[in-house]
Amino acid sequence: MRRRRPASSPRSPSAAAGRSSSTAWAPSCPSSRPPSPRMPRPGGHSRGARSIAGLLLGVFFAALPAVPPAFGEDWKPVADGVDYRLFLLPGPNRVHVARMAMSAPSVIIESSIAGGELGAGLETVSDMARRYDQSVIAWDGEWGARGRVLVAINGSSFDPETSEPYGGLFHSGWYSLRYGDLAGGSGFVWTHDRRGVIRGCVAHEGSRQVVTRLADGSRFEIDALNVRRPDDGLLLFTPQYGAATPESRGEIEVVLRVERPVGVLPPPRSVEAVVLEVRDGNGGTPILFDHVVLAGKGPAATGFLRGLGRGERLGMSQDITDLGFGCRSESGFDWNDVYAGIGGGFVFLRDGDIQHSDDAGAAVRDPRTAVCLNETSVFFVVVDGRRDDLSIGMTLEQLARFCRDELGATGGLNQDGGGSSTMWVDGRVVNSPSDGHERVVANGFMMMAVEPAVRSTRFGPGYDVDVQAPGDVRAGPGPMYPALQVVTPGTTARIADTAPSLAGVFSRGSYWWKVEVGGELGWLAEQSLVTPNVALSWFRLPPPPRAVAD
C-alpha cells in the first residue's frame, strides 16, 4: 500500500521535476492532476447521455500522464559539465544526484582514499574532499595539473577491523589495490579517454605482473601490491599504501623513482623506474609521491633485489584480464586506460535491464549510494533513508527504477550505503546522513575540475639552497602529504631530481620542490627557500615571476 507523506514533511517549493514511467514513483503528496470535472446529476438524462459523458471522462483521464511528476529542484550548475539536483519522491524519499557530462573537457572522476593511505584508518567524505582539493593529479599522461573537488560521495564497503576497502582501487592513474581474482564485479572505473564503465569479473595472471631489468631483459614476478608482507615473495608498494613500508625483519627493499604513475601496462610494455637505493633492513622505508618500493623476502626475491645497482633502470608491468560479468570468457575491455576506480557492490542495472539480487538487504528500504551512467553522463546518486518524516530509503529495485526511469541511465551499481551514504557538493554535505552526522568511511569517488599546471622555474636539479624559513619536508608536493622532517633556517637543501612535470609544481598556495636534506628526500614549499620579502613579492605579482603555465 502506498504510504502518505506526513503533513510536517518538508517539500521543495520548486517547480515539478522530471516524471517517471512507473507507478512506484507516484508522489504521495497531493496530486498535481487537475480535479475531476463536476458532471451534472444524471437526473432525467438518458443512458446514452451518461455513456457519452463517461466516454469523454475516459478520454480526458487517458490523456493525463500515467504518473504525476516528482517534486524537486531544477538542475543547478556546479561547474562546466557538472550539475546537482534534489529529487523529492513518494515514500517520502529525497534523492540527491550529481550529473557529469563525460564529454566536458575540464572535469574528470577521481577516487579518494581515507587519510590518503590504504588501511590507515577512516575519514569522512567531507574531510577526503578537503584533503584532495587542489592536489596534483596525473591527468593527460603527466603530473602537474591540479584537481578542484566539485562533488564527493562515499565508496566501497570495508573491513571494520582493518579499515581496508573491499575490492580494488585505481587512484590518479596508479593501480593501488588489486581486485580479487574471479570475485564477481570489479565496479565503476573512469578511463583516460573520458569513459565511465562498469566492469565485471577479472583475474591477474602471475607471469604478467613483473619487474624487468631493462639492461638484460630478465624478469621477476610481483607477488602482491600494497598489502602486508607474505612470508616469501616480491611486493610492490606505491605511495597510496602510506608514508612508509611496514616494519619487517629480514628483507631487502629497493627504492625507485618513476616519472609517471605505475598503472596497468602489460608486458612487454612497462613504466620505467630508476633505482635510487638498495636497503638491507627492517622496513619503514619512506614512499614519496614519485617513488615506489620493491620489498623482497625469501632467497629468490632477496637475491633478485640484491643484484640491483643504484642508477639501474627497471620496467614495471602489470596486467588485468577482463572476464566480463559471467567470469567465463575474456572481454575486449582494456584496463590499460583506467585512471580511477574503486570496488563496487551489486550491479542493479545493466544495458537498461534491472538486475535482481537474492540478498535479503536488497529488499530493505535503506539509505543508498550508487553510481549510474548512460552514453553521455555519469551520475552520483545518494538516497536519504531511515527517517519516516523526511526520507525512508529505497530497495535496490526501486533504486534501479529511479536511475533508469528518472535519469535515463542504462547501467548502475550499488556502493556502501546505510549510515555511510553521503554526498558533498561545492563545500558542504547536501544530504541528511541517517546517523545525524557523517560516518567515517574507507574511500570514495569525486568529480573534479582539472586546473592547468603552473610551475616555478626559480631553481633546478643540483642547486644547493639555504633554508630561509622553517618548513615541513613532506612525502609529496602539498600540505596534504605526511611531514617527514622539519627544516630550520641555515639548513642546506639540495634540489633533487624528479619528473620535469613535478619540478616547482604549484599546489595549495605554494610551489613545491623535491629536495634532499640530511641525506633524506622529500618535498619543501618554496616559501622556505626564499627570503620573506622575495616570497611576498612573488605572490603579489599576477602571474608570479618566472612561473610557467602549461
Protein backbone atom coordinates (compact mmCIF):
# COMPACT_ATOMS: atom_id res chain seq x y z
CA MET A 1 0.00 0.00 0.00
CA ARG A 2 1.28 3.45 -0.87
CA ARG A 3 2.45 5.48 2.13
CA ARG A 4 1.21 9.04 2.59
CA ARG A 5 3.60 11.92 3.24
CA PRO A 6 3.23 13.26 6.81
CA ALA A 7 1.90 16.78 6.99
CA SER A 8 5.12 18.03 8.60
CA SER A 9 7.33 16.60 5.88
CA PRO A 10 9.39 19.28 4.10
CA ARG A 11 8.60 19.83 0.46
CA SER A 12 10.56 21.82 -2.09
CA PRO A 13 8.80 24.97 -3.35
CA SER A 14 10.48 24.43 -6.72
CA ALA A 15 8.57 23.53 -9.83
CA ALA A 16 7.90 19.93 -10.66
CA ALA A 17 10.92 17.98 -11.84
CA GLY A 18 11.13 15.02 -14.23
CA ARG A 19 8.47 12.38 -14.41
CA SER A 20 8.57 8.65 -14.08
CA SER A 21 7.01 5.89 -16.12
CA SER A 22 6.36 3.67 -13.09
CA THR A 23 3.62 3.99 -10.52
CA ALA A 24 6.23 3.10 -7.91
CA TRP A 25 7.29 6.74 -8.12
CA ALA A 26 3.87 8.41 -7.87
CA PRO A 27 4.11 11.16 -5.24
CA SER A 28 2.07 10.65 -2.09
CA CYS A 29 1.67 14.39 -1.66
CA PRO A 30 -1.49 15.95 -3.12
CA SER A 31 -1.74 15.08 -6.78
CA SER A 32 -0.74 17.58 -9.42
CA ARG A 33 -3.54 16.35 -11.69
CA PRO A 34 -6.45 18.71 -12.29
CA PRO A 35 -9.52 17.81 -10.21
CA SER A 36 -12.19 15.75 -11.92
CA PRO A 37 -14.81 17.93 -13.61
CA ARG A 38 -18.10 18.09 -11.78
CA MET A 39 -20.70 16.50 -14.05
CA PRO A 40 -24.38 17.34 -13.57
CA ARG A 41 -26.51 14.75 -11.86
CA PRO A 42 -27.92 12.45 -14.45
CA GLY A 43 -31.47 13.12 -13.22
CA GLY A 44 -33.64 12.72 -16.24
CA HIS A 45 -30.74 12.40 -18.67
CA SER A 46 -30.83 9.40 -20.91
CA ARG A 47 -28.49 6.42 -20.51
CA GLY A 48 -26.94 7.41 -23.84
CA ALA A 49 -26.02 10.83 -22.50
CA ARG A 50 -24.43 9.21 -19.44
CA SER A 51 -22.47 6.88 -21.72
CA ILE A 52 -21.17 9.77 -23.77
CA ALA A 53 -20.15 11.60 -20.60
CA GLY A 54 -18.34 8.52 -19.33
CA LEU A 55 -16.56 8.13 -22.64
CA LEU A 56 -15.43 11.75 -22.55
CA LEU A 57 -14.14 11.31 -19.00
CA GLY A 58 -12.21 8.23 -20.06
CA VAL A 59 -10.58 10.10 -22.91
CA PHE A 60 -9.79 13.01 -20.57
CA PHE A 61 -8.01 10.86 -17.98
CA ALA A 62 -6.25 8.79 -20.62
CA ALA A 63 -4.62 11.98 -21.84
CA LEU A 64 -3.15 12.65 -18.37
CA PRO A 65 0.35 11.36 -17.54
CA ALA A 66 0.35 7.86 -16.05
CA VAL A 67 2.35 9.15 -13.06
CA PRO A 68 2.31 12.69 -11.72
CA PRO A 69 5.71 14.38 -11.97
CA ALA A 70 8.04 14.12 -9.00
CA PHE A 71 8.58 17.27 -6.99
CA GLY A 72 12.10 18.61 -6.61
CA GLU A 73 14.55 21.24 -7.63
CA ASP A 74 15.83 22.08 -11.08
CA TRP A 75 19.34 21.07 -12.11
CA LYS A 76 21.82 23.53 -10.59
CA PRO A 77 25.22 24.06 -12.26
CA VAL A 78 28.24 23.29 -10.08
CA ALA A 79 30.86 23.76 -12.83
CA ASP A 80 31.03 23.38 -16.59
CA GLY A 81 29.75 19.86 -17.23
CA VAL A 82 28.63 19.14 -13.64
CA ASP A 83 25.14 19.74 -12.20
CA TYR A 84 23.33 18.86 -8.97
CA ARG A 85 19.64 18.19 -8.34
CA LEU A 86 17.44 17.15 -5.42
CA PHE A 87 14.50 14.87 -6.26
CA LEU A 88 11.55 14.64 -3.85
CA LEU A 89 9.79 11.34 -4.47
CA PRO A 90 6.98 9.32 -2.90
CA GLY A 91 7.55 7.41 0.28
CA PRO A 92 8.70 10.13 1.07
CA ASN A 93 12.17 9.91 -0.45
CA ARG A 94 14.87 12.50 -1.03
CA VAL A 95 17.36 11.62 -3.75
CA HIS A 96 20.48 13.69 -4.37
CA VAL A 97 22.01 13.43 -7.85
CA ALA A 98 25.20 14.88 -9.30
CA ARG A 99 25.49 14.59 -13.07
CA MET A 100 28.72 14.88 -15.06
CA ALA A 101 28.90 15.09 -18.84
CA MET A 102 31.60 12.66 -19.97
CA SER A 103 32.45 14.90 -22.92
CA ALA A 104 33.10 18.00 -20.78
CA PRO A 105 36.84 18.58 -21.26
CA SER A 106 37.62 20.20 -17.92
CA VAL A 107 36.06 17.70 -15.47
CA ILE A 108 37.02 14.15 -14.52
CA ILE A 109 36.25 11.47 -11.95
CA GLU A 110 38.84 10.61 -9.32
CA SER A 111 38.94 8.22 -6.37
CA SER A 112 39.62 9.27 -2.78
CA ILE A 113 41.37 7.33 -0.01
CA ALA A 114 40.72 7.94 3.69
CA GLY A 115 43.72 9.66 5.23
CA GLY A 116 45.48 9.35 1.89
CA GLU A 117 46.68 5.87 2.93
CA LEU A 118 45.18 2.42 2.32
CA GLY A 119 44.08 0.73 5.52
CA ALA A 120 45.45 3.53 7.71
CA GLY A 121 42.06 4.48 9.08
CA LEU A 122 38.75 6.01 8.09
CA GLU A 123 37.71 9.55 7.22
CA THR A 124 34.53 11.45 6.41
CA VAL A 125 33.63 12.27 2.83
CA SER A 126 33.98 15.98 3.67
CA ASP A 127 37.50 15.51 5.01
CA MET A 128 38.52 13.48 1.96
CA ALA A 129 37.16 16.21 -0.33
CA ARG A 130 39.19 18.82 1.54
CA ARG A 131 42.27 16.58 1.53
CA TYR A 132 42.29 16.14 -2.24
CA ASP A 133 41.18 19.64 -3.20
CA GLN A 134 43.93 21.36 -5.23
CA SER A 135 46.10 18.24 -5.14
CA VAL A 136 48.48 17.45 -8.01
CA ILE A 137 46.99 14.85 -10.36
CA ALA A 138 48.23 12.89 -13.37
CA TRP A 139 45.51 13.59 -15.90
CA ASP A 140 46.54 13.66 -19.59
CA GLY A 141 49.57 11.45 -19.04
CA GLU A 142 51.76 13.56 -16.77
CA TRP A 143 51.75 15.17 -13.34
CA GLY A 144 51.23 18.87 -12.84
CA ALA A 145 47.55 19.73 -13.19
CA ARG A 146 45.51 20.25 -10.03
CA GLY A 147 42.13 18.80 -9.17
CA ARG A 148 39.47 21.07 -7.69
CA VAL A 149 36.90 18.90 -5.93
CA LEU A 150 33.32 19.65 -7.00
CA VAL A 151 31.34 16.63 -5.75
CA ALA A 152 32.27 13.74 -3.45
CA ILE A 153 30.47 10.58 -2.31
CA ASN A 154 31.33 7.59 -0.16
CA GLY A 155 32.61 4.47 -1.86
CA SER A 156 33.32 0.80 -1.14
CA SER A 157 32.36 -1.29 1.82
CA PHE A 158 35.35 -2.02 4.05
CA ASP A 159 36.72 -4.34 6.71
CA PRO A 160 35.68 -2.79 10.05
CA GLU A 161 38.76 -4.21 11.81
CA THR A 162 41.49 -3.20 9.36
CA SER A 163 39.69 -0.30 7.59
CA GLU A 164 40.85 -1.78 4.27
CA PRO A 165 38.31 -1.31 1.45
CA TYR A 166 36.85 -4.33 -0.29
CA GLY A 167 37.68 -4.64 -3.96
CA GLY A 168 40.42 -2.98 -5.97
CA LEU A 169 41.40 0.65 -6.41
CA PHE A 170 42.88 2.94 -9.05
CA HIS A 171 43.92 6.43 -7.99
CA SER A 172 45.14 9.14 -10.37
CA GLY A 173 46.46 6.54 -12.79
CA TRP A 174 48.11 4.36 -10.11
CA TYR A 175 46.98 0.75 -9.75
CA SER A 176 46.85 0.88 -5.96
CA LEU A 177 44.97 -2.22 -4.79
CA ARG A 178 44.33 -5.40 -6.73
CA TYR A 179 40.81 -6.56 -7.46
CA GLY A 180 40.04 -10.08 -6.27
CA ASP A 181 40.50 -12.80 -8.87
CA LEU A 182 37.18 -14.25 -10.08
CA ALA A 183 35.43 -12.32 -7.31
CA GLY A 184 32.45 -11.08 -9.31
CA GLY A 185 32.05 -7.42 -10.24
CA SER A 186 35.01 -5.06 -10.11
CA GLY A 187 32.96 -1.86 -10.02
CA PHE A 188 32.93 1.52 -11.77
CA VAL A 189 36.07 2.88 -13.43
CA TRP A 190 36.91 6.13 -15.21
CA THR A 191 39.28 5.96 -18.17
CA HIS A 192 41.85 8.27 -19.73
CA ASP A 193 39.65 8.56 -22.83
CA ARG A 194 36.81 10.02 -20.74
CA ARG A 195 34.57 6.98 -20.40
CA GLY A 196 32.71 5.75 -17.35
CA VAL A 197 32.44 1.96 -17.37
CA ILE A 198 31.06 -0.71 -15.02
CA ARG A 199 33.13 -3.88 -15.17
CA GLY A 200 32.64 -7.45 -14.02
CA CYS A 201 34.97 -10.34 -13.23
CA VAL A 202 38.77 -10.03 -13.53
CA ALA A 203 41.91 -12.10 -12.98
CA HIS A 204 45.65 -11.47 -12.65
CA GLU A 205 48.00 -13.85 -14.44
CA GLY A 206 51.21 -14.09 -12.39
CA SER A 207 53.54 -14.08 -15.37
CA ARG A 208 52.16 -10.69 -16.45
CA GLN A 209 52.86 -8.90 -13.14
CA VAL A 210 56.61 -8.45 -13.47
CA VAL A 211 59.68 -6.31 -12.91
CA THR A 212 62.13 -6.35 -15.82
CA ARG A 213 65.82 -5.46 -15.76
CA LEU A 214 65.97 -3.37 -18.90
CA ALA A 215 69.69 -3.98 -19.37
CA ASP A 216 69.33 -7.73 -19.94
CA GLY A 217 65.56 -8.42 -20.13
CA SER A 218 65.47 -10.71 -17.09
CA ARG A 219 62.19 -10.70 -15.16
CA PHE A 220 60.87 -11.37 -11.69
CA GLU A 221 57.19 -11.75 -10.79
CA ILE A 222 55.47 -9.28 -8.46
CA ASP A 223 53.54 -11.37 -5.93
CA ALA A 224 51.46 -8.67 -4.24
CA LEU A 225 50.57 -4.98 -4.39
CA ASN A 226 50.26 -2.70 -1.33
CA VAL A 227 49.50 -5.46 1.18
CA ARG A 228 51.17 -6.53 4.39
CA ARG A 229 54.05 -8.85 3.82
CA PRO A 230 53.75 -12.54 3.00
CA ASP A 231 56.43 -14.89 4.26
CA ASP A 232 58.05 -15.11 0.85
CA GLY A 233 57.97 -13.19 -2.42
CA LEU A 234 58.30 -9.79 -4.07
CA LEU A 235 55.97 -6.94 -3.10
CA LEU A 236 55.33 -3.61 -4.78
CA PHE A 237 54.46 -0.59 -2.63
CA THR A 238 53.13 2.63 -4.18
CA PRO A 239 52.54 5.99 -2.45
CA GLN A 240 48.88 5.09 -1.80
CA TYR A 241 50.00 2.43 0.69
CA GLY A 242 51.18 5.10 3.10
CA ALA A 243 54.12 7.27 4.08
CA ALA A 244 56.41 4.24 4.61
CA THR A 245 56.56 0.49 4.10
CA PRO A 246 55.53 -1.69 7.06
CA GLU A 247 58.13 -2.84 9.56
CA SER A 248 59.50 -6.30 8.81
CA ARG A 249 62.71 -8.17 9.54
CA GLY A 250 65.00 -9.99 7.19
CA GLU A 251 64.19 -8.33 3.91
CA ILE A 252 65.66 -6.22 1.15
CA GLU A 253 63.96 -3.05 -0.08
CA VAL A 254 64.74 -1.15 -3.26
CA VAL A 255 63.63 2.48 -3.68
CA LEU A 256 62.83 3.53 -7.26
CA ARG A 257 61.85 6.86 -8.83
CA VAL A 258 59.24 6.99 -11.58
CA GLU A 259 58.18 9.79 -13.92
CA ARG A 260 54.55 8.70 -14.22
CA PRO A 261 52.11 6.63 -12.13
CA VAL A 262 52.59 2.87 -12.21
CA GLY A 263 49.26 1.68 -13.55
CA VAL A 264 48.23 -1.29 -15.67
CA LEU A 265 50.61 -1.74 -18.58
CA PRO A 266 51.12 -5.36 -19.66
CA PRO A 267 54.48 -6.76 -20.79
CA PRO A 268 56.44 -6.21 -22.90
CA ARG A 269 55.44 -2.59 -22.25
CA SER A 270 56.38 -1.09 -18.89
CA VAL A 271 56.64 2.04 -16.76
CA GLU A 272 60.34 2.83 -16.39
CA ALA A 273 61.86 3.34 -12.95
CA VAL A 274 65.40 4.14 -11.80
CA VAL A 275 66.99 2.58 -8.71
CA LEU A 276 67.82 5.18 -6.05
CA GLU A 277 68.78 2.96 -3.14
CA VAL A 278 69.05 -0.68 -2.05
CA ARG A 279 68.26 -1.05 1.66
CA ASP A 280 69.01 -4.08 3.80
CA GLY A 281 66.94 -3.64 6.92
CA ASN A 282 63.63 -3.90 8.71
CA GLY A 283 61.21 -1.96 6.55
CA GLY A 284 59.93 1.50 7.36
CA THR A 285 61.22 2.91 4.06
CA PRO A 286 59.58 6.23 3.09
CA ILE A 287 57.41 6.12 -0.06
CA LEU A 288 57.43 9.52 -1.72
CA PHE A 289 54.96 10.87 -4.27
CA ASP A 290 57.15 9.87 -7.24
CA HIS A 291 58.63 6.70 -5.71
CA VAL A 292 57.78 3.03 -5.48
CA VAL A 293 59.43 0.44 -3.24
CA LEU A 294 60.13 -3.19 -4.10
CA ALA A 295 60.37 -5.35 -0.97
CA GLY A 296 61.57 -8.94 -1.01
CA LYS A 297 61.57 -11.85 1.41
CA GLY A 298 62.92 -15.30 0.82
CA PRO A 299 66.05 -16.33 -1.10
CA ALA A 300 64.68 -15.79 -4.62
CA ALA A 301 63.26 -12.29 -4.10
CA THR A 302 66.11 -11.02 -1.95
CA GLY A 303 68.65 -12.43 -4.39
CA PHE A 304 66.99 -10.56 -7.26
CA LEU A 305 66.92 -7.27 -5.33
CA ARG A 306 70.50 -7.56 -4.03
CA GLY A 307 71.68 -7.77 -7.62
CA LEU A 308 70.29 -4.34 -8.49
CA GLY A 309 72.54 -1.29 -8.52
CA ARG A 310 71.99 2.42 -7.98
CA GLY A 311 71.05 4.10 -11.25
CA GLU A 312 69.87 0.87 -12.90
CA ARG A 313 66.67 1.14 -14.93
CA LEU A 314 63.78 -1.28 -14.43
CA GLY A 315 60.43 -1.74 -16.15
CA MET A 316 57.24 -2.20 -14.10
CA SER A 317 54.50 -4.21 -15.86
CA GLN A 318 51.03 -5.15 -14.57
CA ASP A 319 48.03 -6.63 -16.32
CA ILE A 320 44.35 -7.35 -15.65
CA THR A 321 42.41 -9.96 -17.62
CA ASP A 322 38.78 -8.86 -18.01
CA LEU A 323 36.36 -11.81 -17.91
CA GLY A 324 33.05 -9.96 -18.15
CA PHE A 325 30.09 -10.39 -15.84
CA GLY A 326 29.94 -14.17 -16.06
CA CYS A 327 33.64 -14.88 -15.36
CA ARG A 328 33.52 -17.15 -18.41
CA SER A 329 35.46 -15.55 -21.25
CA GLU A 330 37.78 -12.64 -21.95
CA SER A 331 36.12 -9.40 -22.98
CA GLY A 332 37.54 -6.61 -25.08
CA PHE A 333 37.88 -4.06 -22.27
CA ASP A 334 41.38 -2.60 -21.95
CA TRP A 335 42.37 -1.90 -18.33
CA ASN A 336 45.45 -0.01 -19.54
CA ASP A 337 43.23 3.06 -19.97
CA VAL A 338 41.86 3.14 -16.41
CA TYR A 339 42.55 6.34 -14.45
CA ALA A 340 40.34 5.94 -11.36
CA GLY A 341 38.14 3.24 -9.85
CA ILE A 342 37.11 1.55 -6.62
CA GLY A 343 35.39 -1.69 -5.73
CA GLY A 344 31.64 -1.72 -6.22
CA GLY A 345 28.65 -3.65 -4.98
CA PHE A 346 25.73 -5.23 -6.79
CA VAL A 347 25.19 -4.15 -10.41
CA PHE A 348 21.45 -3.45 -10.35
CA LEU A 349 21.16 -2.06 -13.87
CA ARG A 350 22.90 -3.44 -16.96
CA ASP A 351 22.17 -2.44 -20.56
CA GLY A 352 18.93 -0.87 -19.34
CA ASP A 353 17.71 -4.09 -17.71
CA ILE A 354 17.05 -4.25 -13.98
CA GLN A 355 19.06 -7.00 -12.26
CA HIS A 356 17.60 -8.73 -9.20
CA SER A 357 19.61 -9.64 -6.11
CA ASP A 358 18.90 -12.58 -3.79
CA ASP A 359 20.49 -10.76 -0.87
CA ALA A 360 17.94 -10.03 1.87
CA GLY A 361 19.27 -6.50 2.28
CA ALA A 362 18.36 -5.67 -1.32
CA ALA A 363 14.67 -5.66 -0.41
CA VAL A 364 15.10 -3.30 2.56
CA ARG A 365 14.36 0.41 2.21
CA ASP A 366 17.70 1.88 3.23
CA PRO A 367 19.89 4.88 2.53
CA ARG A 368 21.75 4.15 -0.70
CA THR A 369 24.80 5.36 -2.60
CA ALA A 370 25.11 4.45 -6.27
CA VAL A 371 26.96 5.27 -9.47
CA CYS A 372 24.85 5.21 -12.64
CA LEU A 373 25.64 6.05 -16.23
CA ASN A 374 24.46 6.21 -19.81
CA GLU A 375 26.26 7.00 -23.06
CA THR A 376 26.74 10.67 -22.21
CA SER A 377 26.71 11.12 -18.42
CA VAL A 378 27.84 9.70 -15.10
CA PHE A 379 25.51 10.13 -12.12
CA PHE A 380 26.41 10.02 -8.43
CA VAL A 381 23.22 9.13 -6.53
CA VAL A 382 22.60 9.29 -2.77
CA VAL A 383 19.22 8.38 -1.27
CA ASP A 384 18.44 9.54 2.27
CA GLY A 385 16.74 7.00 4.50
CA ARG A 386 15.64 5.76 7.94
CA ARG A 387 13.63 8.97 8.51
CA ASP A 388 9.87 8.49 8.21
CA ASP A 389 9.30 12.25 8.25
CA LEU A 390 11.96 13.00 5.63
CA SER A 391 13.04 10.00 3.55
CA ILE A 392 12.55 6.29 4.15
CA GLY A 393 15.11 4.96 1.68
CA MET A 394 14.89 2.59 -1.26
CA THR A 395 15.23 -1.06 -2.12
CA LEU A 396 17.76 -1.91 -4.82
CA GLU A 397 14.96 -2.46 -7.33
CA GLN A 398 13.48 0.95 -6.55
CA LEU A 399 16.92 2.49 -6.92
CA ALA A 400 17.35 0.77 -10.28
CA ARG A 401 13.98 2.07 -11.48
CA PHE A 402 14.82 5.58 -10.38
CA CYS A 403 18.17 5.56 -12.19
CA ARG A 404 16.62 4.13 -15.34
CA ASP A 405 13.30 5.97 -15.46
CA GLU A 406 14.17 9.35 -13.93
CA LEU A 407 17.81 9.73 -15.01
CA GLY A 408 17.82 7.74 -18.24
CA ALA A 409 20.67 5.54 -17.01
CA THR A 410 21.45 2.24 -18.67
CA GLY A 411 23.92 0.99 -16.05
CA GLY A 412 24.19 1.31 -12.30
CA LEU A 413 25.77 -0.26 -9.25
CA ASN A 414 25.40 -0.04 -5.50
CA GLN A 415 28.15 1.29 -3.25
CA ASP A 416 28.35 1.20 0.55
CA GLY A 417 25.06 2.52 1.93
CA GLY A 418 23.18 2.90 5.19
CA GLY A 419 24.67 5.45 7.55
CA SER A 420 27.69 5.78 5.27
CA SER A 421 25.68 7.34 2.42
CA THR A 422 26.95 10.90 1.97
CA MET A 423 27.10 13.45 -0.82
CA TRP A 424 29.25 16.59 -0.61
CA VAL A 425 28.74 19.31 -3.21
CA ASP A 426 30.75 22.50 -3.59
CA GLY A 427 31.88 22.73 0.02
CA ARG A 428 29.04 21.19 2.02
CA VAL A 429 27.16 17.97 2.70
CA VAL A 430 23.82 18.23 0.87
CA ASN A 431 22.09 15.07 2.10
CA SER A 432 20.94 14.05 5.58
CA PRO A 433 23.06 11.10 6.82
CA SER A 434 20.89 8.72 8.82
CA ASP A 435 23.12 8.93 11.93
CA GLY A 436 22.58 12.67 12.09
CA HIS A 437 26.22 13.22 11.12
CA GLU A 438 28.77 11.90 8.63
CA ARG A 439 30.21 8.46 9.21
CA VAL A 440 33.87 7.80 8.58
CA VAL A 441 34.47 5.61 5.53
CA ALA A 442 37.37 4.00 3.65
CA ASN A 443 37.24 5.66 0.23
CA GLY A 444 35.02 7.40 -2.27
CA PHE A 445 34.55 8.97 -5.66
CA MET A 446 34.95 12.63 -6.61
CA MET A 447 34.03 14.79 -9.57
CA MET A 448 36.94 17.16 -10.14
CA ALA A 449 37.61 20.23 -12.25
CA VAL A 450 41.06 20.00 -13.85
CA GLU A 451 43.07 23.19 -13.40
CA PRO A 452 46.17 23.69 -15.59
CA ALA A 453 49.65 23.11 -14.22
CA VAL A 454 51.64 26.12 -13.01
CA ARG A 455 55.32 25.78 -12.19
CA SER A 456 58.13 27.90 -10.77
CA THR A 457 61.47 27.99 -12.59
CA ARG A 458 63.44 29.59 -9.75
CA PHE A 459 65.62 26.52 -9.10
CA GLY A 460 66.90 23.46 -10.93
CA PRO A 461 68.21 19.99 -10.07
CA GLY A 462 71.52 20.09 -8.18
CA TYR A 463 71.03 23.60 -6.74
CA ASP A 464 72.16 23.94 -3.12
CA VAL A 465 69.78 26.35 -1.39
CA ASP A 466 69.98 27.68 2.17
CA VAL A 467 66.67 27.34 4.00
CA GLN A 468 65.33 30.82 4.86
CA ALA A 469 62.24 29.93 6.90
CA PRO A 470 61.12 26.88 8.91
CA GLY A 471 59.13 24.34 6.96
CA ASP A 472 57.97 20.74 6.79
CA VAL A 473 59.61 18.38 4.33
CA ARG A 474 56.71 16.25 3.11
CA ALA A 475 56.14 12.99 1.27
CA GLY A 476 54.55 14.81 -1.68
CA PRO A 477 54.01 18.25 -3.23
CA GLY A 478 51.42 19.72 -0.89
CA PRO A 479 50.38 20.07 2.76
CA MET A 480 48.02 17.08 2.40
CA TYR A 481 51.02 14.71 2.47
CA PRO A 482 52.70 13.47 5.69
CA ALA A 483 55.54 15.53 7.16
CA LEU A 484 58.84 13.63 7.21
CA GLN A 485 61.08 16.20 8.92
CA VAL A 486 61.23 19.88 9.86
CA VAL A 487 63.92 22.16 8.43
CA THR A 488 65.17 25.35 10.07
CA PRO A 489 66.89 28.46 8.70
CA GLY A 490 70.52 27.87 7.76
CA THR A 491 69.97 24.25 6.73
CA THR A 492 71.16 23.42 3.22
CA ALA A 493 68.65 21.78 0.90
CA ARG A 494 69.72 20.34 -2.45
CA ILE A 495 67.16 20.39 -5.26
CA ALA A 496 66.67 16.74 -6.22
CA ASP A 497 65.82 15.01 -9.47
CA THR A 498 62.17 14.36 -10.24
CA ALA A 499 59.94 14.24 -13.29
CA PRO A 500 60.20 17.57 -15.17
CA SER A 501 56.44 17.98 -14.77
CA LEU A 502 56.86 17.99 -10.96
CA ALA A 503 59.76 20.46 -10.65
CA GLY A 504 58.49 23.56 -8.82
CA VAL A 505 54.88 22.44 -9.25
CA PHE A 506 52.11 24.57 -7.71
CA SER A 507 49.64 23.09 -5.20
CA ARG A 508 47.52 24.53 -2.41
CA GLY A 509 49.04 28.02 -2.46
CA SER A 510 52.73 27.08 -2.80
CA TYR A 511 55.33 25.99 -5.31
CA TRP A 512 56.91 22.70 -4.26
CA TRP A 513 60.43 21.40 -4.81
CA LYS A 514 61.78 17.93 -4.29
CA VAL A 515 64.82 18.34 -2.03
CA GLU A 516 67.45 16.32 -0.24
CA VAL A 517 68.08 17.41 3.35
CA GLY A 518 70.44 15.49 5.61
CA GLY A 519 70.51 12.59 3.18
CA GLU A 520 66.70 12.23 3.13
CA LEU A 521 64.41 13.15 0.25
CA GLY A 522 61.09 14.98 0.42
CA TRP A 523 59.08 17.97 -0.82
CA LEU A 524 59.52 21.51 0.52
CA ALA A 525 57.49 24.65 -0.19
CA GLU A 526 59.36 27.41 -1.99
CA GLN A 527 58.48 29.88 0.80
CA SER A 528 61.06 28.09 2.96
CA LEU A 529 63.77 28.55 0.33
CA VAL A 530 63.50 32.30 -0.30
CA THR A 531 63.50 35.34 1.99
CA PRO A 532 60.10 36.56 3.24
CA ASN A 533 60.28 39.73 1.10
CA VAL A 534 61.01 37.74 -2.02
CA ALA A 535 58.22 35.30 -1.19
CA LEU A 536 55.73 38.14 -0.69
CA SER A 537 56.70 39.89 -3.91
CA TRP A 538 56.41 36.58 -5.73
CA PHE A 539 52.81 36.11 -4.71
CA ARG A 540 51.79 39.75 -5.22
CA LEU A 541 52.51 39.67 -8.92
CA PRO A 542 49.92 38.14 -11.25
CA PRO A 543 51.24 35.87 -12.65
CA PRO A 544 54.22 35.18 -10.35
CA PRO A 545 57.65 35.93 -11.83
CA ARG A 546 59.24 33.08 -13.76
CA ALA A 547 56.16 30.89 -13.42
CA VAL A 548 55.22 28.85 -16.46
CA ALA A 549 51.61 27.88 -17.14
CA ASP A 550 51.18 24.74 -19.24
